[in-house]
Amino acid sequence: MCEVRVTGGVLPQDEIDQYVKRAREKFHREPKGIDIRVDGDFVELKYDFGHVPFDRIRRITGYLVGTLDRFNDAKRSEESDRVKHGI
């Protein structure tokens, strides 16, 4: 469930619900929280989606890869035989 914090004014619940719906449609995921700052007729929205998982991408044997599990036997052999240069 999305936690909504409103500062600087008061908003009707149906408008708050529309901001939550907009976040779901725009970012294709459920926000953990939304900070809404009311400034007259304008609002500033800040979304909190929590931890976003990140996979490391490396260049190995000329390919950008996250993991080696999709490599065939020849490419795995090429990766294990490569010379790793130090500084």
PDB file of N, CA and C in Angstrom:
ATOM      1  N   MET A   1       0.835  -1.176   0.000  1.00  0.00           N
ATOM      2  CA  MET A   1       0.000   0.000   0.000  1.00  0.00           C
ATOM      3  C   MET A   1       0.883   1.244   0.000  1.00  0.00           C
ATOM      4  N   CYS A   2       0.520   2.230  -0.722  1.00  0.00           N
ATOM      5  CA  CYS A   2       1.273   3.460  -0.898  1.00  0.00           C
ATOM      6  C   CYS A   2       0.990   4.431   0.255  1.00  0.00           C
ATOM      7  N   GLU A   3       2.049   4.909   0.907  1.00  0.00           N
ATOM      8  CA  GLU A   3       1.904   5.904   1.962  1.00  0.00           C
ATOM      9  C   GLU A   3       2.000   7.294   1.338  1.00  0.00           C
ATOM     10  N   VAL A   4       0.994   8.126   1.535  1.00  0.00           N
ATOM     11  CA  VAL A   4       0.950   9.456   0.937  1.00  0.00           C
ATOM     12  C   VAL A   4       1.071  10.496   2.050  1.00  0.00           C
ATOM     13  N   ARG A   5       2.015  11.435   1.864  1.00  0.00           N
ATOM     14  CA  ARG A   5       2.213  12.525   2.813  1.00  0.00           C
ATOM     15  C   ARG A   5       1.955  13.849   2.085  1.00  0.00           C
ATOM     16  N   VAL A   6       1.017  14.646   2.595  1.00  0.00           N
ATOM     17  CA  VAL A   6       0.665  15.928   1.987  1.00  0.00           C
ATOM     18  C   VAL A   6       1.136  17.038   2.919  1.00  0.00           C
ATOM     19  N   THR A   7       1.898  18.005   2.365  1.00  0.00           N
ATOM     20  CA  THR A   7       2.355  19.152   3.147  1.00  0.00           C
ATOM     21  C   THR A   7       1.989  20.439   2.413  1.00  0.00           C
ATOM     22  N   GLY A   8       1.803  21.499   3.164  1.00  0.00           N
ATOM     23  CA  GLY A   8       1.538  22.798   2.582  1.00  0.00           C
ATOM     24  C   GLY A   8       0.092  23.061   2.221  1.00  0.00           C
ATOM     25  N   GLY A   9      -0.783  22.151   2.520  1.00  0.00           N
ATOM     26  CA  GLY A   9      -2.191  22.350   2.186  1.00  0.00           C
ATOM     27  C   GLY A   9      -2.978  21.069   2.368  1.00  0.00           C
ATOM     28  N   VAL A  10      -4.202  21.091   1.892  1.00  0.00           N
ATOM     29  CA  VAL A  10      -5.105  19.951   2.001  1.00  0.00           C
ATOM     30  C   VAL A  10      -5.587  19.591   0.598  1.00  0.00           C
ATOM     31  N   LEU A  11      -5.630  18.298   0.310  1.00  0.00           N
ATOM     32  CA  LEU A  11      -6.124  17.814  -0.981  1.00  0.00           C
ATOM     33  C   LEU A  11      -7.277  16.849  -0.756  1.00  0.00           C
ATOM     34  N   PRO A  12      -8.269  16.853  -1.645  1.00  0.00           N
ATOM     35  CA  PRO A  12      -9.333  15.849  -1.537  1.00  0.00           C
ATOM     36  C   PRO A  12      -8.789  14.452  -1.835  1.00  0.00           C
ATOM     37  N   GLN A  13      -9.393  13.449  -1.226  1.00  0.00           N
ATOM     38  CA  GLN A  13      -8.917  12.075  -1.369  1.00  0.00           C
ATOM     39  C   GLN A  13      -8.928  11.602  -2.819  1.00  0.00           C
ATOM     40  N   ASP A  14      -9.916  12.026  -3.620  1.00  0.00           N
ATOM     41  CA  ASP A  14      -9.958  11.574  -5.012  1.00  0.00           C
ATOM     42  C   ASP A  14      -8.772  12.120  -5.811  1.00  0.00           C
ATOM     43  N   GLU A  15      -8.295  13.322  -5.493  1.00  0.00           N
ATOM     44  CA  GLU A  15      -7.107  13.865  -6.170  1.00  0.00           C
ATOM     45  C   GLU A  15      -5.858  13.093  -5.767  1.00  0.00           C
ATOM     46  N   ILE A  16      -5.740  12.743  -4.490  1.00  0.00           N
ATOM     47  CA  ILE A  16      -4.615  11.936  -4.015  1.00  0.00           C
ATOM     48  C   ILE A  16      -4.615  10.582  -4.714  1.00  0.00           C
ATOM     49  N   ASP A  17      -5.789   9.972  -4.828  1.00  0.00           N
ATOM     50  CA  ASP A  17      -5.903   8.680  -5.505  1.00  0.00           C
ATOM     51  C   ASP A  17      -5.465   8.775  -6.964  1.00  0.00           C
ATOM     52  N   GLN A  18      -5.752   9.900  -7.622  1.00  0.00           N
ATOM     53  CA  GLN A  18      -5.335  10.093  -9.013  1.00  0.00           C
ATOM     54  C   GLN A  18      -3.818  10.201  -9.129  1.00  0.00           C
ATOM     55  N   TYR A  19      -3.165  10.841  -8.150  1.00  0.00           N
ATOM     56  CA  TYR A  19      -1.701  10.920  -8.171  1.00  0.00           C
ATOM     57  C   TYR A  19      -1.072   9.542  -8.000  1.00  0.00           C
ATOM     58  N   VAL A  20      -1.646   8.714  -7.145  1.00  0.00           N
ATOM     59  CA  VAL A  20      -1.146   7.349  -6.958  1.00  0.00           C
ATOM     60  C   VAL A  20      -1.352   6.543  -8.239  1.00  0.00           C
ATOM     61  N   LYS A  21      -2.524   6.673  -8.846  1.00  0.00           N
ATOM     62  CA  LYS A  21      -2.825   5.965 -10.095  1.00  0.00           C
ATOM     63  C   LYS A  21      -1.862   6.395 -11.197  1.00  0.00           C
ATOM     64  N   ARG A  22      -1.577   7.709 -11.282  1.00  0.00           N
ATOM     65  CA  ARG A  22      -0.651   8.231 -12.289  1.00  0.00           C
ATOM     66  C   ARG A  22       0.744   7.634 -12.104  1.00  0.00           C
ATOM     67  N   ALA A  23       1.188   7.512 -10.852  1.00  0.00           N
ATOM     68  CA  ALA A  23       2.509   6.937 -10.585  1.00  0.00           C
ATOM     69  C   ALA A  23       2.568   5.487 -11.051  1.00  0.00           C
ATOM     70  N   ARG A  24       1.530   4.709 -10.790  1.00  0.00           N
ATOM     71  CA  ARG A  24       1.483   3.304 -11.227  1.00  0.00           C
ATOM     72  C   ARG A  24       1.556   3.200 -12.748  1.00  0.00           C
ATOM     73  N   GLU A  25       0.786   4.057 -13.440  1.00  0.00           N
ATOM     74  CA  GLU A  25       0.742   3.997 -14.902  1.00  0.00           C
ATOM     75  C   GLU A  25       2.051   4.497 -15.526  1.00  0.00           C
ATOM     76  N   LYS A  26       2.622   5.546 -14.950  1.00  0.00           N
ATOM     77  CA  LYS A  26       3.827   6.149 -15.527  1.00  0.00           C
ATOM     78  C   LYS A  26       5.064   5.286 -15.321  1.00  0.00           C
ATOM     79  N   PHE A  27       5.207   4.687 -14.122  1.00  0.00           N
ATOM     80  CA  PHE A  27       6.417   3.941 -13.786  1.00  0.00           C
ATOM     81  C   PHE A  27       6.222   2.428 -13.812  1.00  0.00           C
ATOM     82  N   HIS A  28       5.018   1.952 -14.041  1.00  0.00           N
ATOM     83  CA  HIS A  28       4.696   0.525 -14.160  1.00  0.00           C
ATOM     84  C   HIS A  28       5.077  -0.278 -12.921  1.00  0.00           C
ATOM     85  N   ARG A  29       4.962   0.345 -11.760  1.00  0.00           N
ATOM     86  CA  ARG A  29       5.171  -0.360 -10.492  1.00  0.00           C
ATOM     87  C   ARG A  29       4.516   0.433  -9.376  1.00  0.00           C
ATOM     88  N   GLU A  30       4.356  -0.216  -8.245  1.00  0.00           N
ATOM     89  CA  GLU A  30       3.667   0.386  -7.102  1.00  0.00           C
ATOM     90  C   GLU A  30       4.642   1.217  -6.277  1.00  0.00           C
ATOM     91  N   PRO A  31       4.355   2.507  -6.072  1.00  0.00           N
ATOM     92  CA  PRO A  31       5.240   3.298  -5.207  1.00  0.00           C
ATOM     93  C   PRO A  31       5.021   2.939  -3.739  1.00  0.00           C
ATOM     94  N   LYS A  32       6.118   2.983  -2.962  1.00  0.00           N
ATOM     95  CA  LYS A  32       5.995   2.765  -1.526  1.00  0.00           C
ATOM     96  C   LYS A  32       5.448   3.999  -0.846  1.00  0.00           C
ATOM     97  N   GLY A  33       5.749   5.169  -1.407  1.00  0.00           N
ATOM     98  CA  GLY A  33       5.279   6.410  -0.818  1.00  0.00           C
ATOM     99  C   GLY A  33       5.314   7.547  -1.825  1.00  0.00           C
ATOM    100  N   ILE A  34       4.487   8.552  -1.563  1.00  0.00           N
ATOM    101  CA  ILE A  34       4.470   9.765  -2.382  1.00  0.00           C
ATOM    102  C   ILE A  34       4.399  10.957  -1.439  1.00  0.00           C
ATOM    103  N   ASP A  35       5.336  11.891  -1.626  1.00  0.00           N
ATOM    104  CA  ASP A  35       5.293  13.161  -0.908  1.00  0.00           C
ATOM    105  C   ASP A  35       4.677  14.191  -1.839  1.00  0.00           C
ATOM    106  N   ILE A  36       3.605  14.824  -1.392  1.00  0.00           N
ATOM    107  CA  ILE A  36       2.920  15.846  -2.186  1.00  0.00           C
ATOM    108  C   ILE A  36       3.045  17.170  -1.447  1.00  0.00           C
ATOM    109  N   ARG A  37       3.717  18.134  -2.086  1.00  0.00           N
ATOM    110  CA  ARG A  37       3.842  19.474  -1.502  1.00  0.00           C
ATOM    111  C   ARG A  37       2.930  20.411  -2.274  1.00  0.00           C
ATOM    112  N   VAL A  38       1.977  20.993  -1.576  1.00  0.00           N
ATOM    113  CA  VAL A  38       1.000  21.889  -2.194  1.00  0.00           C
ATOM    114  C   VAL A  38       1.534  23.319  -2.097  1.00  0.00           C
ATOM    115  N   ASP A  39       1.535  24.018  -3.248  1.00  0.00           N
ATOM    116  CA  ASP A  39       1.975  25.414  -3.303  1.00  0.00           C
ATOM    117  C   ASP A  39       0.950  26.188  -4.122  1.00  0.00           C
ATOM    118  N   GLY A  40      -0.102  26.641  -3.466  1.00  0.00           N
ATOM    119  CA  GLY A  40      -1.183  27.347  -4.162  1.00  0.00           C
ATOM    120  C   GLY A  40      -1.933  26.390  -5.083  1.00  0.00           C
ATOM    121  N   ASP A  41      -1.930  26.704  -6.380  1.00  0.00           N
ATOM    122  CA  ASP A  41      -2.585  25.845  -7.362  1.00  0.00           C
ATOM    123  C   ASP A  41      -1.661  24.758  -7.908  1.00  0.00           C
ATOM    124  N   PHE A  42      -0.403  24.728  -7.456  1.00  0.00           N
ATOM    125  CA  PHE A  42       0.576  23.780  -7.966  1.00  0.00           C
ATOM    126  C   PHE A  42       0.907  22.733  -6.912  1.00  0.00           C
ATOM    127  N   VAL A  43       1.305  21.554  -7.375  1.00  0.00           N
ATOM    128  CA  VAL A  43       1.764  20.499  -6.476  1.00  0.00           C
ATOM    129  C   VAL A  43       3.108  19.989  -6.969  1.00  0.00           C
ATOM    130  N   GLU A  44       3.951  19.609  -6.028  1.00  0.00           N
ATOM    131  CA  GLU A  44       5.226  18.975  -6.341  1.00  0.00           C
ATOM    132  C   GLU A  44       5.154  17.538  -5.833  1.00  0.00           C
ATOM    133  N   LEU A  45       5.440  16.588  -6.717  1.00  0.00           N
ATOM    134  CA  LEU A  45       5.356  15.171  -6.365  1.00  0.00           C
ATOM    135  C   LEU A  45       6.751  14.572  -6.264  1.00  0.00           C
ATOM    136  N   LYS A  46       6.994  13.824  -5.195  1.00  0.00           N
ATOM    137  CA  LYS A  46       8.230  13.067  -5.041  1.00  0.00           C
ATOM    138  C   LYS A  46       7.841  11.627  -4.740  1.00  0.00           C
ATOM    139  N   TYR A  47       8.345  10.704  -5.564  1.00  0.00           N
ATOM    140  CA  TYR A  47       7.979   9.299  -5.436  1.00  0.00           C
ATOM    141  C   TYR A  47       9.076   8.529  -4.715  1.00  0.00           C
ATOM    142  N   ASP A  48       8.673   7.544  -3.926  1.00  0.00           N
ATOM    143  CA  ASP A  48       9.608   6.640  -3.264  1.00  0.00           C
ATOM    144  C   ASP A  48       9.241   5.222  -3.688  1.00  0.00           C
ATOM    145  N   PHE A  49      10.154   4.584  -4.424  1.00  0.00           N
ATOM    146  CA  PHE A  49       9.912   3.214  -4.877  1.00  0.00           C
ATOM    147  C   PHE A  49      10.718   2.197  -4.081  1.00  0.00           C
ATOM    148  N   GLY A  50      11.409   2.652  -3.042  1.00  0.00           N
ATOM    149  CA  GLY A  50      12.192   1.739  -2.230  1.00  0.00           C
ATOM    150  C   GLY A  50      13.442   1.296  -2.967  1.00  0.00           C
ATOM    151  N   HIS A  51      13.947   0.162  -2.592  1.00  0.00           N
ATOM    152  CA  HIS A  51      15.169  -0.377  -3.182  1.00  0.00           C
ATOM    153  C   HIS A  51      14.897  -0.879  -4.598  1.00  0.00           C
ATOM    154  N   VAL A  52      15.690  -0.402  -5.533  1.00  0.00           N
ATOM    155  CA  VAL A  52      15.589  -0.856  -6.919  1.00  0.00           C
ATOM    156  C   VAL A  52      16.771  -1.786  -7.171  1.00  0.00           C
ATOM    157  N   PRO A  53      16.518  -3.067  -7.492  1.00  0.00           N
ATOM    158  CA  PRO A  53      17.632  -3.992  -7.702  1.00  0.00           C
ATOM    159  C   PRO A  53      18.483  -3.573  -8.894  1.00  0.00           C
ATOM    160  N   PHE A  54      19.798  -3.757  -8.756  1.00  0.00           N
ATOM    161  CA  PHE A  54      20.737  -3.375  -9.797  1.00  0.00           C
ATOM    162  C   PHE A  54      21.660  -4.548 -10.079  1.00  0.00           C
ATOM    163  N   ASP A  55      21.756  -4.933 -11.340  1.00  0.00           N
ATOM    164  CA  ASP A  55      22.671  -5.987 -11.743  1.00  0.00           C
ATOM    165  C   ASP A  55      23.913  -5.356 -12.333  1.00  0.00           C
ATOM    166  N   ARG A  56      25.057  -5.831 -11.901  1.00  0.00           N
ATOM    167  CA  ARG A  56      26.323  -5.336 -12.415  1.00  0.00           C
ATOM    168  C   ARG A  56      26.507  -5.809 -13.847  1.00  0.00           C
ATOM    169  N   ILE A  57      26.947  -4.900 -14.711  1.00  0.00           N
ATOM    170  CA  ILE A  57      27.211  -5.252 -16.104  1.00  0.00           C
ATOM    171  C   ILE A  57      28.705  -5.069 -16.353  1.00  0.00           C
ATOM    172  N   ARG A  58      29.327  -6.078 -16.946  1.00  0.00           N
ATOM    173  CA  ARG A  58      30.760  -6.028 -17.230  1.00  0.00           C
ATOM    174  C   ARG A  58      30.988  -6.320 -18.697  1.00  0.00           C
ATOM    175  N   ARG A  59      32.115  -5.832 -19.216  1.00  0.00           N
ATOM    176  CA  ARG A  59      32.508  -6.171 -20.581  1.00  0.00           C
ATOM    177  C   ARG A  59      33.488  -7.346 -20.476  1.00  0.00           C
ATOM    178  N   ILE A  60      33.054  -8.485 -20.993  1.00  0.00           N
ATOM    179  CA  ILE A  60      33.889  -9.691 -20.975  1.00  0.00           C
ATOM    180  C   ILE A  60      33.970 -10.217 -22.396  1.00  0.00           C
ATOM    181  N   THR A  61      35.157 -10.399 -22.857  1.00  0.00           N
ATOM    182  CA  THR A  61      35.446 -10.906 -24.207  1.00  0.00           C
ATOM    183  C   THR A  61      34.645 -10.169 -25.276  1.00  0.00           C
ATOM    184  N   GLY A  62      34.518  -8.847 -25.092  1.00  0.00           N
ATOM    185  CA  GLY A  62      33.852  -8.028 -26.099  1.00  0.00           C
ATOM    186  C   GLY A  62      32.344  -7.938 -25.968  1.00  0.00           C
ATOM    187  N   TYR A  63      31.751  -8.576 -24.949  1.00  0.00           N
ATOM    188  CA  TYR A  63      30.300  -8.558 -24.764  1.00  0.00           C
ATOM    189  C   TYR A  63      29.953  -7.902 -23.438  1.00  0.00           C
ATOM    190  N   LEU A  64      28.855  -7.164 -23.402  1.00  0.00           N
ATOM    191  CA  LEU A  64      28.354  -6.635 -22.144  1.00  0.00           C
ATOM    192  C   LEU A  64      27.442  -7.682 -21.530  1.00  0.00           C
ATOM    193  N   VAL A  65      27.821  -8.153 -20.348  1.00  0.00           N
ATOM    194  CA  VAL A  65      27.063  -9.227 -19.702  1.00  0.00           C
ATOM    195  C   VAL A  65      26.859  -8.920 -18.231  1.00  0.00           C
ATOM    196  N   GLY A  66      25.801  -9.468 -17.677  1.00  0.00           N
ATOM    197  CA  GLY A  66      25.566  -9.389 -16.242  1.00  0.00           C
ATOM    198  C   GLY A  66      26.085 -10.638 -15.564  1.00  0.00           C
ATOM    199  N   THR A  67      25.799 -11.799 -16.152  1.00  0.00           N
ATOM    200  CA  THR A  67      26.283 -13.073 -15.623  1.00  0.00           C
ATOM    201  C   THR A  67      26.778 -13.919 -16.791  1.00  0.00           C
ATOM    202  N   LEU A  68      27.493 -14.966 -16.469  1.00  0.00           N
ATOM    203  CA  LEU A  68      28.053 -15.831 -17.506  1.00  0.00           C
ATOM    204  C   LEU A  68      27.157 -17.018 -17.823  1.00  0.00           C
ATOM    205  N   ASP A  69      25.989 -17.102 -17.215  1.00  0.00           N
ATOM    206  CA  ASP A  69      25.144 -18.281 -17.376  1.00  0.00           C
ATOM    207  C   ASP A  69      24.591 -18.457 -18.793  1.00  0.00           C
ATOM    208  N   ARG A  70      24.608 -17.411 -19.612  1.00  0.00           N
ATOM    209  CA  ARG A  70      24.092 -17.534 -20.977  1.00  0.00           C
ATOM    210  C   ARG A  70      25.197 -17.862 -21.982  1.00  0.00           C
ATOM    211  N   PHE A  71      26.449 -17.921 -21.516  1.00  0.00           N
ATOM    212  CA  PHE A  71      27.564 -18.237 -22.414  1.00  0.00           C
ATOM    213  C   PHE A  71      27.556 -19.725 -22.770  1.00  0.00           C
ATOM    214  N   ASN A  72      27.925 -20.045 -24.016  1.00  0.00           N
ATOM    215  CA  ASN A  72      28.100 -21.448 -24.386  1.00  0.00           C
ATOM    216  C   ASN A  72      29.484 -21.909 -23.927  1.00  0.00           C
ATOM    217  N   ASP A  73      29.800 -23.177 -24.137  1.00  0.00           N
ATOM    218  CA  ASP A  73      31.055 -23.750 -23.642  1.00  0.00           C
ATOM    219  C   ASP A  73      32.278 -23.035 -24.216  1.00  0.00           C
ATOM    220  N   ALA A  74      32.249 -22.690 -25.490  1.00  0.00           N
ATOM    221  CA  ALA A  74      33.396 -22.026 -26.110  1.00  0.00           C
ATOM    222  C   ALA A  74      33.620 -20.647 -25.495  1.00  0.00           C
ATOM    223  N   LYS A  75      32.567 -19.905 -25.281  1.00  0.00           N
ATOM    224  CA  LYS A  75      32.703 -18.568 -24.701  1.00  0.00           C
ATOM    225  C   LYS A  75      33.119 -18.650 -23.236  1.00  0.00           C
ATOM    226  N   ARG A  76      32.648 -19.666 -22.506  1.00  0.00           N
ATOM    227  CA  ARG A  76      33.088 -19.862 -21.116  1.00  0.00           C
ATOM    228  C   ARG A  76      34.572 -20.183 -21.069  1.00  0.00           C
ATOM    229  N   SER A  77      35.038 -21.000 -22.006  1.00  0.00           N
ATOM    230  CA  SER A  77      36.457 -21.334 -22.083  1.00  0.00           C
ATOM    231  C   SER A  77      37.285 -20.096 -22.410  1.00  0.00           C
ATOM    232  N   GLU A  78      36.794 -19.286 -23.330  1.00  0.00           N
ATOM    233  CA  GLU A  78      37.487 -18.046 -23.688  1.00  0.00           C
ATOM    234  C   GLU A  78      37.582 -17.125 -22.471  1.00  0.00           C
ATOM    235  N   GLU A  79      36.537 -17.068 -21.692  1.00  0.00           N
ATOM    236  CA  GLU A  79      36.539 -16.205 -20.505  1.00  0.00           C
ATOM    237  C   GLU A  79      37.525 -16.723 -19.461  1.00  0.00           C
ATOM    238  N   SER A  80      37.578 -18.030 -19.257  1.00  0.00           N
ATOM    239  CA  SER A  80      38.491 -18.566 -18.233  1.00  0.00           C
ATOM    240  C   SER A  80      39.949 -18.497 -18.670  1.00  0.00           C
ATOM    241  N   ASP A  81      40.222 -18.464 -19.981  1.00  0.00           N
ATOM    242  CA  ASP A  81      41.599 -18.402 -20.489  1.00  0.00           C
ATOM    243  C   ASP A  81      42.141 -16.982 -20.645  1.00  0.00           C
ATOM    244  N   ARG A  82      41.302 -15.989 -20.478  1.00  0.00           N
ATOM    245  CA  ARG A  82      41.754 -14.638 -20.716  1.00  0.00           C
ATOM    246  C   ARG A  82      42.745 -14.181 -19.642  1.00  0.00           C
ATOM    247  N   VAL A  83      43.607 -13.253 -19.989  1.00  0.00           N
ATOM    248  CA  VAL A  83      44.607 -12.724 -19.084  1.00  0.00           C
ATOM    249  C   VAL A  83      44.020 -11.482 -18.421  1.00  0.00           C
ATOM    250  N   LYS A  84      43.975 -11.489 -17.111  1.00  0.00           N
ATOM    251  CA  LYS A  84      43.466 -10.341 -16.371  1.00  0.00           C
ATOM    252  C   LYS A  84      44.643  -9.463 -15.976  1.00  0.00           C
ATOM    253  N   HIS A  85      44.613  -8.225 -16.448  1.00  0.00           N
ATOM    254  CA  HIS A  85      45.726  -7.310 -16.206  1.00  0.00           C
ATOM    255  C   HIS A  85      45.509  -6.534 -14.924  1.00  0.00           C
ATOM    256  N   GLY A  86      46.554  -6.428 -14.134  1.00  0.00           N
ATOM    257  CA  GLY A  86      46.488  -5.652 -12.889  1.00  0.00           C
ATOM    258  C   GLY A  86      47.123  -4.287 -13.095  1.00  0.00           C
ATOM    259  N   ILE A  87      46.988  -3.464 -12.103  1.00  0.00           N
ATOM    260  CA  ILE A  87      47.578  -2.112 -12.184  1.00  0.00           C
ATOM    261  C   ILE A  87      48.874  -2.089 -11.425  1.00  0.00           C
TER     262      ILE A  87
END
